[in-house]
């Protein structure tokens, strides 16, 4: 399976048959590695309602007919009223997809939409488990993810709005993924961080980490 970083919290996962796009903040993102007209998607996952995560989800969904997967409250408040296809669920719930499955997992963060919740996602795709943490503070629930045998953890390190590098390292020690990729950094002045220093700290703790520059891909 190919995993491509498009900047901020946006990743494109491709198992050869299906493409899954996360938090597609492309328009207005100075570090975006693609634009809304060229990205293809079969499913779009949105962790919460802030503009740097909803991003271009609606425009891409209209062009590709990809359903937007998110919490049911966010679906009902934002995407369904716009006539977009949605797959709404709630924290702790799984739903099946043609590529595998998705579990909606807790994230501790403002939602951007009153009455809604933020979340992360645990995807089973291409025989791998990918954890997209969304925007979150460090939470003790992450320790439960160690039982999931996660192949790749996508963790925010920007600080200020989310957990920073020190707490993200603590998250790695709780989750124990095979590989960690940092995200949600350097897009704005408030979240400037050194991803290479974070990766070095993860490796010093006995885990694997990889920094992807916007546009870079890896096989997982």
N, C-alpha and C. Protein backbone atom coordinates (compact mmCIF):
# COMPACT_ATOMS: atom_id res chain seq x y z
N UNK A 1 0.84 -1.19 0.00
CA UNK A 1 0.00 0.00 0.00
C UNK A 1 0.87 1.24 0.00
N UNK A 2 0.49 2.24 -0.79
CA UNK A 2 1.22 3.49 -0.85
C UNK A 2 0.56 4.54 0.04
N UNK A 3 1.38 5.26 0.77
CA UNK A 3 0.92 6.34 1.63
C UNK A 3 1.66 7.60 1.21
N UNK A 4 0.91 8.62 0.80
CA UNK A 4 1.52 9.88 0.36
C UNK A 4 1.08 11.01 1.28
N UNK A 5 2.05 11.82 1.68
CA UNK A 5 1.78 12.99 2.52
C UNK A 5 1.57 14.19 1.62
N UNK A 6 0.41 14.84 1.74
CA UNK A 6 0.09 16.00 0.93
C UNK A 6 0.18 17.30 1.71
N UNK A 7 0.62 17.23 2.97
CA UNK A 7 0.77 18.43 3.79
C UNK A 7 -0.24 18.51 4.91
N UNK A 8 0.18 19.13 6.02
CA UNK A 8 -0.65 19.34 7.21
C UNK A 8 -1.13 18.00 7.77
N UNK A 9 -2.41 17.67 7.67
CA UNK A 9 -2.90 16.37 8.14
C UNK A 9 -3.50 15.56 7.00
N UNK A 10 -3.13 15.93 5.77
CA UNK A 10 -3.70 15.30 4.58
C UNK A 10 -2.78 14.20 4.06
N UNK A 11 -3.33 13.00 3.98
CA UNK A 11 -2.61 11.86 3.42
C UNK A 11 -3.51 11.20 2.38
N UNK A 12 -2.87 10.61 1.38
CA UNK A 12 -3.57 9.81 0.39
C UNK A 12 -3.07 8.38 0.52
N UNK A 13 -3.99 7.46 0.85
CA UNK A 13 -3.67 6.04 0.99
C UNK A 13 -4.22 5.31 -0.22
N UNK A 14 -3.38 4.49 -0.83
CA UNK A 14 -3.75 3.82 -2.08
C UNK A 14 -3.34 2.36 -1.99
N UNK A 15 -4.35 1.46 -2.02
CA UNK A 15 -4.04 0.03 -1.95
C UNK A 15 -4.02 -0.63 -3.33
N UNK A 16 -4.06 0.19 -4.37
CA UNK A 16 -4.06 -0.34 -5.72
C UNK A 16 -5.45 -0.45 -6.31
N UNK A 17 -6.45 -0.47 -5.44
CA UNK A 17 -7.84 -0.54 -5.91
C UNK A 17 -8.65 0.66 -5.43
N UNK A 18 -8.36 1.13 -4.24
CA UNK A 18 -9.10 2.24 -3.64
C UNK A 18 -8.14 3.30 -3.12
N UNK A 19 -8.60 4.53 -3.14
CA UNK A 19 -7.83 5.66 -2.63
C UNK A 19 -8.62 6.33 -1.51
N UNK A 20 -7.97 6.53 -0.38
CA UNK A 20 -8.58 7.16 0.78
C UNK A 20 -7.81 8.44 1.08
N UNK A 21 -8.53 9.54 1.20
CA UNK A 21 -7.95 10.86 1.45
C UNK A 21 -8.36 11.32 2.84
N UNK A 22 -7.41 11.85 3.60
CA UNK A 22 -7.71 12.33 4.95
C UNK A 22 -7.56 13.85 5.02
N UNK A 23 -8.47 14.49 5.73
CA UNK A 23 -8.39 15.92 6.06
C UNK A 23 -7.79 16.76 4.92
N UNK A 24 -8.50 16.87 3.79
CA UNK A 24 -7.90 17.45 2.58
C UNK A 24 -7.84 18.98 2.56
N UNK A 25 -6.99 19.52 3.41
CA UNK A 25 -6.74 20.97 3.43
C UNK A 25 -5.66 21.27 2.38
N UNK A 26 -6.10 21.65 1.20
CA UNK A 26 -5.19 21.91 0.08
C UNK A 26 -5.26 23.38 -0.33
N UNK A 27 -6.44 23.87 -0.66
CA UNK A 27 -6.59 25.28 -1.01
C UNK A 27 -6.28 26.14 0.21
N UNK A 28 -5.37 27.08 0.06
CA UNK A 28 -4.99 27.94 1.17
C UNK A 28 -3.89 27.38 2.04
N UNK A 29 -3.44 26.17 1.75
CA UNK A 29 -2.34 25.57 2.51
C UNK A 29 -1.03 25.85 1.76
N UNK A 30 -0.14 26.66 2.33
CA UNK A 30 1.09 27.02 1.61
C UNK A 30 2.02 25.83 1.37
N UNK A 31 1.82 24.74 2.10
CA UNK A 31 2.68 23.57 1.96
C UNK A 31 2.01 22.42 1.22
N UNK A 32 0.81 22.64 0.70
CA UNK A 32 0.09 21.56 0.03
C UNK A 32 0.85 21.08 -1.19
N UNK A 33 0.88 19.75 -1.36
CA UNK A 33 1.61 19.15 -2.47
C UNK A 33 0.70 18.79 -3.64
N UNK A 34 -0.56 19.19 -3.58
CA UNK A 34 -1.51 18.91 -4.66
C UNK A 34 -2.61 19.96 -4.59
N UNK A 35 -3.45 19.98 -5.61
CA UNK A 35 -4.60 20.88 -5.57
C UNK A 35 -5.88 20.06 -5.69
N UNK A 36 -6.96 20.72 -5.40
CA UNK A 36 -8.24 20.01 -5.29
C UNK A 36 -8.71 19.40 -6.60
N UNK A 37 -8.22 19.91 -7.73
CA UNK A 37 -8.66 19.40 -9.03
C UNK A 37 -7.92 18.16 -9.47
N UNK A 38 -6.77 17.87 -8.85
CA UNK A 38 -5.99 16.73 -9.31
C UNK A 38 -6.01 15.54 -8.35
N UNK A 39 -6.52 15.73 -7.17
CA UNK A 39 -6.55 14.63 -6.20
C UNK A 39 -7.74 13.73 -6.47
N UNK A 40 -7.50 12.45 -6.53
CA UNK A 40 -8.58 11.47 -6.68
C UNK A 40 -8.85 10.82 -5.33
N UNK A 41 -10.09 10.40 -5.11
CA UNK A 41 -10.44 9.75 -3.85
C UNK A 41 -11.68 8.90 -4.04
N UNK A 42 -11.69 7.75 -3.39
CA UNK A 42 -12.88 6.92 -3.29
C UNK A 42 -13.59 7.13 -1.96
N UNK A 43 -12.83 7.55 -0.96
CA UNK A 43 -13.37 7.88 0.37
C UNK A 43 -12.58 9.05 0.91
N UNK A 44 -13.27 9.93 1.63
CA UNK A 44 -12.63 11.08 2.26
C UNK A 44 -12.93 11.02 3.76
N UNK A 45 -11.88 11.02 4.58
CA UNK A 45 -12.04 10.98 6.03
C UNK A 45 -11.75 12.36 6.61
N UNK A 46 -12.69 12.88 7.40
CA UNK A 46 -12.54 14.20 8.01
C UNK A 46 -12.63 14.06 9.52
N UNK A 47 -11.60 14.48 10.22
CA UNK A 47 -11.53 14.26 11.66
C UNK A 47 -12.38 15.24 12.47
N UNK A 48 -12.57 16.47 11.96
CA UNK A 48 -13.38 17.44 12.69
C UNK A 48 -13.65 18.63 11.79
N UNK A 49 -14.35 19.63 12.33
CA UNK A 49 -14.90 20.68 11.51
C UNK A 49 -14.06 21.93 11.34
N UNK A 50 -12.83 21.97 11.83
CA UNK A 50 -12.00 23.15 11.60
C UNK A 50 -11.62 23.25 10.12
N UNK A 51 -11.46 24.47 9.65
CA UNK A 51 -11.28 24.69 8.21
C UNK A 51 -10.01 24.05 7.66
N UNK A 52 -8.99 23.89 8.51
CA UNK A 52 -7.75 23.28 8.02
C UNK A 52 -7.83 21.75 8.02
N UNK A 53 -9.03 21.20 8.22
CA UNK A 53 -9.24 19.75 8.15
C UNK A 53 -10.40 19.42 7.22
N UNK A 54 -11.49 20.19 7.32
CA UNK A 54 -12.56 20.06 6.33
C UNK A 54 -11.99 20.40 4.95
N UNK A 55 -11.27 21.52 4.89
CA UNK A 55 -10.57 21.89 3.68
C UNK A 55 -11.42 21.80 2.43
N UNK A 56 -10.94 21.01 1.46
CA UNK A 56 -11.59 20.87 0.17
C UNK A 56 -12.44 19.61 0.08
N UNK A 57 -12.86 19.08 1.22
CA UNK A 57 -13.61 17.82 1.22
C UNK A 57 -14.85 17.90 0.35
N UNK A 58 -15.60 18.99 0.46
CA UNK A 58 -16.84 19.11 -0.30
C UNK A 58 -16.57 19.16 -1.80
N UNK A 59 -15.59 19.95 -2.22
CA UNK A 59 -15.28 20.08 -3.64
C UNK A 59 -14.79 18.76 -4.23
N UNK A 60 -13.96 18.06 -3.49
CA UNK A 60 -13.43 16.78 -3.99
C UNK A 60 -14.54 15.74 -4.03
N UNK A 61 -15.40 15.74 -3.02
CA UNK A 61 -16.51 14.80 -2.99
C UNK A 61 -17.46 15.02 -4.17
N UNK A 62 -17.75 16.29 -4.46
CA UNK A 62 -18.65 16.57 -5.59
C UNK A 62 -18.04 16.10 -6.91
N UNK A 63 -16.74 16.22 -7.05
CA UNK A 63 -16.09 15.86 -8.30
C UNK A 63 -15.92 14.35 -8.45
N UNK A 64 -15.66 13.66 -7.33
CA UNK A 64 -15.33 12.23 -7.39
C UNK A 64 -16.45 11.32 -6.93
N UNK A 65 -17.49 11.89 -6.30
CA UNK A 65 -18.57 11.12 -5.68
C UNK A 65 -18.10 10.32 -4.47
N UNK A 66 -16.95 10.66 -3.92
CA UNK A 66 -16.45 9.97 -2.74
C UNK A 66 -17.28 10.35 -1.52
N UNK A 67 -17.75 9.37 -0.75
CA UNK A 67 -18.45 9.70 0.50
C UNK A 67 -17.48 10.30 1.52
N UNK A 68 -18.00 11.22 2.30
CA UNK A 68 -17.21 11.83 3.37
C UNK A 68 -17.51 11.09 4.66
N UNK A 69 -16.49 10.51 5.24
CA UNK A 69 -16.61 9.72 6.47
C UNK A 69 -16.19 10.58 7.65
N UNK A 70 -17.06 10.68 8.63
CA UNK A 70 -16.80 11.54 9.78
C UNK A 70 -17.79 11.16 10.88
N UNK A 71 -17.78 11.90 11.99
CA UNK A 71 -18.78 11.63 13.01
C UNK A 71 -20.16 11.99 12.47
N UNK A 72 -21.17 11.31 12.96
CA UNK A 72 -22.52 11.51 12.44
C UNK A 72 -22.99 12.94 12.66
N UNK A 73 -22.59 13.57 13.76
CA UNK A 73 -23.02 14.94 14.01
C UNK A 73 -22.41 15.91 13.00
N UNK A 74 -21.14 15.69 12.66
CA UNK A 74 -20.51 16.54 11.66
C UNK A 74 -21.13 16.30 10.28
N UNK A 75 -21.42 15.05 9.99
CA UNK A 75 -22.09 14.74 8.72
C UNK A 75 -23.44 15.45 8.63
N UNK A 76 -24.23 15.37 9.70
CA UNK A 76 -25.56 15.97 9.70
C UNK A 76 -25.51 17.50 9.69
N UNK A 77 -24.46 18.06 10.31
CA UNK A 77 -24.40 19.52 10.43
C UNK A 77 -23.80 20.19 9.20
N UNK A 78 -22.86 19.53 8.53
CA UNK A 78 -22.09 20.21 7.48
C UNK A 78 -22.26 19.57 6.10
N UNK A 79 -22.06 18.28 6.01
CA UNK A 79 -21.93 17.66 4.68
C UNK A 79 -23.26 17.19 4.08
N UNK A 80 -24.11 16.54 4.87
CA UNK A 80 -25.39 16.08 4.33
C UNK A 80 -26.28 17.24 3.87
N UNK A 81 -26.36 18.35 4.62
CA UNK A 81 -27.19 19.46 4.13
C UNK A 81 -26.70 20.05 2.81
N UNK A 82 -25.43 19.82 2.48
CA UNK A 82 -24.88 20.30 1.21
C UNK A 82 -25.12 19.30 0.09
N UNK A 83 -25.85 18.22 0.39
CA UNK A 83 -26.16 17.23 -0.62
C UNK A 83 -25.03 16.28 -0.95
N UNK A 84 -24.07 16.16 -0.06
CA UNK A 84 -22.90 15.32 -0.30
C UNK A 84 -23.12 13.92 0.26
N UNK A 85 -22.54 12.90 -0.35
CA UNK A 85 -22.63 11.55 0.21
C UNK A 85 -21.81 11.46 1.49
N UNK A 86 -22.38 10.84 2.51
CA UNK A 86 -21.70 10.77 3.80
C UNK A 86 -21.74 9.34 4.35
N UNK A 87 -20.77 9.06 5.20
CA UNK A 87 -20.77 7.86 6.03
C UNK A 87 -20.51 8.33 7.44
N UNK A 88 -21.57 8.47 8.22
CA UNK A 88 -21.44 9.00 9.57
C UNK A 88 -21.42 7.88 10.59
N UNK A 89 -20.61 8.01 11.58
CA UNK A 89 -20.55 7.06 12.68
C UNK A 89 -20.25 7.82 13.96
N UNK A 90 -19.85 7.11 14.99
CA UNK A 90 -19.53 7.79 16.23
C UNK A 90 -18.39 7.09 16.94
N UNK A 91 -17.88 7.73 17.99
CA UNK A 91 -16.68 7.25 18.67
C UNK A 91 -16.85 5.81 19.14
N UNK A 92 -15.86 5.01 18.81
CA UNK A 92 -15.87 3.60 19.22
C UNK A 92 -16.47 2.67 18.21
N UNK A 93 -17.13 3.21 17.17
CA UNK A 93 -17.81 2.37 16.20
C UNK A 93 -16.95 2.09 14.97
N UNK A 94 -17.13 0.86 14.45
CA UNK A 94 -16.50 0.46 13.19
C UNK A 94 -17.52 0.53 12.07
N UNK A 95 -17.07 0.75 10.85
CA UNK A 95 -17.91 0.48 9.69
C UNK A 95 -17.06 -0.17 8.60
N UNK A 96 -17.69 -1.07 7.86
CA UNK A 96 -17.00 -1.78 6.79
C UNK A 96 -16.96 -0.93 5.53
N UNK A 97 -15.92 -1.12 4.75
CA UNK A 97 -15.75 -0.43 3.48
C UNK A 97 -15.26 -1.45 2.46
N UNK A 98 -15.32 -1.12 1.17
CA UNK A 98 -14.80 -2.04 0.17
C UNK A 98 -13.30 -2.32 0.32
N UNK A 99 -12.56 -1.37 0.91
CA UNK A 99 -11.12 -1.59 1.08
C UNK A 99 -10.76 -2.25 2.40
N UNK A 100 -11.71 -2.34 3.33
CA UNK A 100 -11.42 -2.92 4.65
C UNK A 100 -12.40 -2.41 5.67
N UNK A 101 -11.92 -1.60 6.61
CA UNK A 101 -12.80 -1.06 7.63
C UNK A 101 -12.19 0.19 8.24
N UNK A 102 -13.05 0.95 8.92
CA UNK A 102 -12.64 2.17 9.60
C UNK A 102 -13.26 2.18 10.99
N UNK A 103 -12.47 2.48 11.99
CA UNK A 103 -12.99 2.70 13.34
C UNK A 103 -12.78 4.17 13.70
N UNK A 104 -13.82 4.77 14.25
CA UNK A 104 -13.75 6.15 14.71
C UNK A 104 -13.28 6.14 16.16
N UNK A 105 -12.16 6.79 16.42
CA UNK A 105 -11.54 6.73 17.75
C UNK A 105 -11.47 8.11 18.37
N UNK A 106 -11.35 8.19 19.69
CA UNK A 106 -11.37 9.48 20.36
C UNK A 106 -10.18 10.37 20.01
N UNK A 107 -10.44 11.66 19.99
CA UNK A 107 -9.42 12.70 19.93
C UNK A 107 -9.89 13.82 20.85
N UNK A 108 -8.98 14.42 21.57
CA UNK A 108 -9.32 15.49 22.50
C UNK A 108 -8.93 16.82 21.88
N UNK A 109 -9.96 17.53 21.36
CA UNK A 109 -9.71 18.75 20.60
C UNK A 109 -11.05 19.42 20.34
N UNK A 110 -11.06 20.72 20.11
CA UNK A 110 -12.29 21.38 19.70
C UNK A 110 -12.77 20.85 18.37
N UNK A 111 -14.09 20.90 18.16
CA UNK A 111 -14.63 20.29 16.95
C UNK A 111 -14.75 21.27 15.78
N UNK A 112 -14.84 22.54 16.07
CA UNK A 112 -15.07 23.53 15.03
C UNK A 112 -16.53 23.72 14.68
N UNK A 113 -17.40 22.81 15.13
CA UNK A 113 -18.84 22.89 14.86
C UNK A 113 -19.56 22.60 16.17
N UNK A 114 -20.38 23.53 16.68
CA UNK A 114 -21.05 23.31 17.96
C UNK A 114 -21.82 21.99 17.99
N UNK A 115 -21.65 21.27 19.10
CA UNK A 115 -22.37 20.02 19.29
C UNK A 115 -21.72 18.81 18.66
N UNK A 116 -20.62 19.01 17.94
CA UNK A 116 -19.94 17.90 17.28
C UNK A 116 -18.71 17.48 18.07
N UNK A 117 -18.17 16.34 17.72
CA UNK A 117 -16.98 15.80 18.35
C UNK A 117 -15.83 15.71 17.36
N UNK A 118 -14.62 15.86 17.86
CA UNK A 118 -13.44 15.54 17.06
C UNK A 118 -13.15 14.06 17.18
N UNK A 119 -12.40 13.54 16.22
CA UNK A 119 -12.06 12.12 16.26
C UNK A 119 -10.75 11.86 15.55
N UNK A 120 -10.29 10.63 15.67
CA UNK A 120 -9.23 10.09 14.84
C UNK A 120 -9.81 8.87 14.13
N UNK A 121 -8.99 8.23 13.33
CA UNK A 121 -9.44 7.05 12.58
C UNK A 121 -8.41 5.93 12.68
N UNK A 122 -8.91 4.72 12.81
CA UNK A 122 -8.09 3.52 12.70
C UNK A 122 -8.57 2.77 11.47
N UNK A 123 -7.72 2.72 10.45
CA UNK A 123 -8.09 2.11 9.18
C UNK A 123 -7.43 0.74 9.04
N UNK A 124 -8.18 -0.20 8.52
CA UNK A 124 -7.62 -1.46 8.04
C UNK A 124 -7.70 -1.42 6.52
N UNK A 125 -6.54 -1.43 5.88
CA UNK A 125 -6.49 -1.24 4.43
C UNK A 125 -5.24 -1.91 3.89
N UNK A 126 -5.38 -2.67 2.83
CA UNK A 126 -4.22 -3.30 2.23
C UNK A 126 -3.46 -4.21 3.17
N UNK A 127 -4.18 -4.81 4.11
CA UNK A 127 -3.53 -5.69 5.07
C UNK A 127 -2.76 -4.96 6.15
N UNK A 128 -2.94 -3.64 6.26
CA UNK A 128 -2.23 -2.83 7.25
C UNK A 128 -3.22 -2.09 8.13
N UNK A 129 -2.73 -1.68 9.30
CA UNK A 129 -3.52 -0.83 10.19
C UNK A 129 -2.84 0.53 10.29
N UNK A 130 -3.61 1.56 9.95
CA UNK A 130 -3.11 2.93 9.96
C UNK A 130 -3.94 3.73 10.97
N UNK A 131 -3.25 4.41 11.87
CA UNK A 131 -3.92 5.26 12.85
C UNK A 131 -3.66 6.72 12.49
N UNK A 132 -4.73 7.44 12.16
CA UNK A 132 -4.66 8.88 11.94
C UNK A 132 -5.24 9.54 13.18
N UNK A 133 -4.39 10.20 13.95
CA UNK A 133 -4.81 10.70 15.26
C UNK A 133 -5.67 11.94 15.19
N UNK A 134 -5.75 12.60 14.01
CA UNK A 134 -6.47 13.87 13.96
C UNK A 134 -5.74 14.91 14.79
N UNK A 135 -6.44 15.96 15.13
CA UNK A 135 -5.90 16.97 16.05
C UNK A 135 -6.23 16.50 17.45
N UNK A 136 -5.24 16.24 18.24
CA UNK A 136 -5.54 15.77 19.59
C UNK A 136 -4.46 16.15 20.58
N UNK A 137 -4.86 16.31 21.81
CA UNK A 137 -3.92 16.33 22.92
C UNK A 137 -3.54 14.89 23.24
N UNK A 138 -2.52 14.71 24.04
CA UNK A 138 -2.18 13.38 24.53
C UNK A 138 -3.32 12.88 25.42
N UNK A 139 -3.81 11.68 25.15
CA UNK A 139 -4.89 11.11 25.96
C UNK A 139 -4.52 9.69 26.36
N UNK A 140 -4.98 9.29 27.52
CA UNK A 140 -4.64 7.96 28.04
C UNK A 140 -5.24 6.85 27.19
N UNK A 141 -6.33 7.14 26.45
CA UNK A 141 -6.94 6.14 25.58
C UNK A 141 -5.95 5.60 24.55
N UNK A 142 -4.92 6.36 24.25
CA UNK A 142 -3.94 5.90 23.27
C UNK A 142 -3.26 4.60 23.70
N UNK A 143 -3.18 4.38 25.00
CA UNK A 143 -2.56 3.15 25.49
C UNK A 143 -3.32 1.91 25.02
N UNK A 144 -4.62 2.04 24.81
CA UNK A 144 -5.42 0.91 24.34
C UNK A 144 -5.06 0.51 22.91
N UNK A 145 -4.49 1.45 22.16
CA UNK A 145 -4.14 1.17 20.78
C UNK A 145 -2.95 0.23 20.66
N UNK A 146 -2.20 0.04 21.74
CA UNK A 146 -1.08 -0.91 21.68
C UNK A 146 -1.55 -2.31 21.33
N UNK A 147 -2.79 -2.64 21.69
CA UNK A 147 -3.33 -3.97 21.39
C UNK A 147 -3.69 -4.13 19.92
N UNK A 148 -3.72 -3.03 19.18
CA UNK A 148 -4.15 -3.08 17.77
C UNK A 148 -3.03 -3.46 16.81
N UNK A 149 -1.78 -3.48 17.30
CA UNK A 149 -0.65 -3.83 16.44
C UNK A 149 -0.62 -2.91 15.21
N UNK A 150 -0.56 -1.62 15.45
CA UNK A 150 -0.65 -0.61 14.40
C UNK A 150 0.63 -0.58 13.58
N UNK A 151 0.45 -0.57 12.28
CA UNK A 151 1.60 -0.50 11.38
C UNK A 151 2.14 0.91 11.25
N UNK A 152 1.27 1.90 11.08
CA UNK A 152 1.69 3.29 10.91
C UNK A 152 0.81 4.19 11.76
N UNK A 153 1.45 5.04 12.57
CA UNK A 153 0.73 6.05 13.34
C UNK A 153 1.07 7.42 12.77
N UNK A 154 0.04 8.18 12.42
CA UNK A 154 0.18 9.53 11.91
C UNK A 154 -0.19 10.47 13.06
N UNK A 155 0.82 11.15 13.61
CA UNK A 155 0.63 11.89 14.85
C UNK A 155 0.96 13.37 14.67
N UNK A 156 0.11 14.27 15.21
CA UNK A 156 0.41 15.70 15.17
C UNK A 156 1.54 16.04 16.13
N UNK A 157 2.41 16.95 15.71
CA UNK A 157 3.51 17.37 16.59
C UNK A 157 3.60 18.89 16.71
N UNK A 158 2.64 19.62 16.15
CA UNK A 158 2.78 21.06 16.03
C UNK A 158 2.76 21.85 17.32
N UNK A 159 2.17 21.26 18.38
CA UNK A 159 1.98 21.98 19.64
C UNK A 159 1.00 23.13 19.41
N UNK A 160 0.71 23.90 20.42
CA UNK A 160 -0.19 25.06 20.41
C UNK A 160 -1.63 24.64 20.21
N UNK A 161 -1.97 24.02 19.09
CA UNK A 161 -3.33 23.54 18.84
C UNK A 161 -3.50 22.05 19.15
N UNK A 162 -2.40 21.32 19.16
CA UNK A 162 -2.42 19.87 19.36
C UNK A 162 -1.29 19.51 20.30
N UNK A 163 -1.08 18.23 20.50
CA UNK A 163 0.09 17.84 21.27
C UNK A 163 1.36 18.22 20.50
N UNK A 164 2.41 18.51 21.25
CA UNK A 164 3.69 18.84 20.66
C UNK A 164 4.61 17.64 20.61
N UNK A 165 5.87 17.84 20.24
CA UNK A 165 6.78 16.71 20.08
C UNK A 165 6.96 15.87 21.34
N UNK A 166 7.03 16.49 22.50
CA UNK A 166 7.25 15.73 23.73
C UNK A 166 6.07 14.81 24.03
N UNK A 167 4.86 15.34 23.90
CA UNK A 167 3.68 14.51 24.15
C UNK A 167 3.47 13.50 23.02
N UNK A 168 3.84 13.86 21.80
CA UNK A 168 3.73 12.90 20.71
C UNK A 168 4.68 11.72 20.94
N UNK A 169 5.83 11.98 21.50
CA UNK A 169 6.74 10.88 21.85
C UNK A 169 6.13 10.00 22.92
N UNK A 170 5.48 10.61 23.90
CA UNK A 170 4.78 9.81 24.92
C UNK A 170 3.68 8.97 24.27
N UNK A 171 3.00 9.54 23.27
CA UNK A 171 1.97 8.80 22.56
C UNK A 171 2.57 7.58 21.85
N UNK A 172 3.71 7.76 21.22
CA UNK A 172 4.37 6.64 20.54
C UNK A 172 4.65 5.51 21.54
N UNK A 173 5.13 5.87 22.70
CA UNK A 173 5.46 4.85 23.71
C UNK A 173 4.21 4.11 24.18
N UNK A 174 3.05 4.77 24.15
CA UNK A 174 1.80 4.10 24.52
C UNK A 174 1.24 3.26 23.37
N UNK A 175 1.30 3.80 22.16
CA UNK A 175 0.69 3.12 21.02
C UNK A 175 1.56 1.98 20.50
N UNK A 176 2.86 2.18 20.51
CA UNK A 176 3.85 1.19 20.07
C UNK A 176 3.63 0.78 18.60
N UNK A 177 3.53 1.75 17.71
CA UNK A 177 3.36 1.42 16.29
C UNK A 177 4.68 0.94 15.69
N UNK A 178 4.56 0.28 14.55
CA UNK A 178 5.77 -0.15 13.84
C UNK A 178 6.49 1.04 13.21
N UNK A 179 5.72 2.07 12.85
CA UNK A 179 6.29 3.27 12.24
C UNK A 179 5.45 4.47 12.62
N UNK A 180 6.11 5.58 12.91
CA UNK A 180 5.41 6.84 13.20
C UNK A 180 5.80 7.88 12.15
N UNK A 181 4.80 8.61 11.66
CA UNK A 181 5.02 9.71 10.74
C UNK A 181 4.42 10.96 11.36
N UNK A 182 5.20 12.02 11.53
CA UNK A 182 4.65 13.26 12.11
C UNK A 182 3.83 14.03 11.09
N UNK A 183 2.86 14.79 11.59
CA UNK A 183 2.01 15.63 10.75
C UNK A 183 1.62 16.87 11.54
N UNK A 184 0.89 17.77 10.89
CA UNK A 184 0.32 18.97 11.52
C UNK A 184 1.42 19.82 12.15
N UNK A 185 2.37 20.21 11.31
CA UNK A 185 3.46 21.08 11.76
C UNK A 185 3.89 21.97 10.59
N UNK A 186 4.39 23.17 10.92
CA UNK A 186 5.03 24.10 9.98
C UNK A 186 4.08 24.75 8.97
N UNK A 187 2.79 24.46 9.02
CA UNK A 187 1.84 25.09 8.10
C UNK A 187 1.61 26.55 8.47
N UNK A 188 1.60 26.84 9.77
CA UNK A 188 1.40 28.19 10.30
C UNK A 188 2.55 28.50 11.25
N UNK A 189 2.83 29.79 11.49
CA UNK A 189 3.91 30.13 12.42
C UNK A 189 3.73 29.53 13.81
N UNK A 190 2.49 29.41 14.27
CA UNK A 190 2.26 28.91 15.63
C UNK A 190 2.64 27.44 15.80
N UNK A 191 2.75 26.69 14.70
CA UNK A 191 3.02 25.26 14.83
C UNK A 191 4.33 24.85 14.17
N UNK A 192 5.28 25.78 14.13
CA UNK A 192 6.59 25.46 13.56
C UNK A 192 7.33 24.50 14.50
N UNK A 193 7.77 23.38 13.94
CA UNK A 193 8.51 22.37 14.69
C UNK A 193 9.59 21.77 13.79
N UNK A 194 10.48 21.01 14.40
CA UNK A 194 11.53 20.30 13.68
C UNK A 194 11.14 18.83 13.61
N UNK A 195 10.58 18.35 12.50
CA UNK A 195 10.14 16.96 12.43
C UNK A 195 11.29 15.97 12.50
N UNK A 196 12.45 16.38 12.01
CA UNK A 196 13.60 15.48 12.06
C UNK A 196 14.06 15.24 13.50
N UNK A 197 14.01 16.30 14.32
CA UNK A 197 14.36 16.14 15.74
C UNK A 197 13.36 15.23 16.42
N UNK A 198 12.06 15.36 16.07
CA UNK A 198 11.07 14.47 16.64
C UNK A 198 11.35 13.03 16.23
N UNK A 199 11.62 12.80 14.95
CA UNK A 199 11.90 11.45 14.48
C UNK A 199 13.11 10.87 15.19
N UNK A 200 14.12 11.69 15.42
CA UNK A 200 15.31 11.22 16.13
C UNK A 200 14.97 10.82 17.56
N UNK A 201 14.08 11.56 18.20
CA UNK A 201 13.69 11.22 19.58
C UNK A 201 12.91 9.91 19.61
N UNK A 202 12.08 9.68 18.61
CA UNK A 202 11.34 8.43 18.52
C UNK A 202 12.30 7.25 18.34
N UNK A 203 13.28 7.43 17.47
CA UNK A 203 14.24 6.37 17.23
C UNK A 203 15.11 6.12 18.46
N UNK A 204 15.46 7.18 19.17
CA UNK A 204 16.24 7.02 20.40
C UNK A 204 15.48 6.25 21.46
N UNK A 205 14.13 6.31 21.40
CA UNK A 205 13.29 5.57 22.35
C UNK A 205 13.07 4.12 21.91
N UNK A 206 13.64 3.73 20.77
CA UNK A 206 13.55 2.35 20.33
C UNK A 206 12.45 2.05 19.33
N UNK A 207 11.89 3.11 18.72
CA UNK A 207 10.82 2.94 17.73
C UNK A 207 11.26 3.51 16.39
N UNK A 208 10.53 3.16 15.35
CA UNK A 208 10.85 3.65 14.02
C UNK A 208 10.02 4.88 13.68
N UNK A 209 10.64 5.84 12.99
CA UNK A 209 9.95 7.05 12.56
C UNK A 209 10.46 7.44 11.19
N UNK A 210 9.61 8.13 10.46
CA UNK A 210 9.97 8.60 9.12
C UNK A 210 9.30 9.94 8.89
N UNK A 211 10.08 10.90 8.45
CA UNK A 211 9.55 12.20 8.08
C UNK A 211 9.27 12.21 6.59
N UNK A 212 8.04 12.53 6.21
CA UNK A 212 7.69 12.69 4.81
C UNK A 212 7.53 14.18 4.51
N UNK A 213 8.23 14.65 3.50
CA UNK A 213 8.01 16.02 3.04
C UNK A 213 6.74 16.02 2.19
N UNK A 214 6.02 17.14 2.13
CA UNK A 214 4.81 17.18 1.31
C UNK A 214 5.09 16.71 -0.12
N UNK A 215 4.30 15.74 -0.55
CA UNK A 215 4.47 15.15 -1.86
C UNK A 215 5.19 13.82 -1.83
N UNK A 216 5.90 13.51 -0.77
CA UNK A 216 6.63 12.25 -0.67
C UNK A 216 5.70 11.09 -0.32
N UNK A 217 6.08 9.91 -0.78
CA UNK A 217 5.31 8.69 -0.54
C UNK A 217 6.21 7.62 0.04
N UNK A 218 5.58 6.63 0.63
CA UNK A 218 6.31 5.41 1.01
C UNK A 218 5.37 4.21 0.89
N UNK A 219 5.95 3.05 0.75
CA UNK A 219 5.20 1.81 0.74
C UNK A 219 5.17 1.25 2.14
N UNK A 220 3.98 0.88 2.60
CA UNK A 220 3.84 0.33 3.96
C UNK A 220 3.26 -1.07 3.91
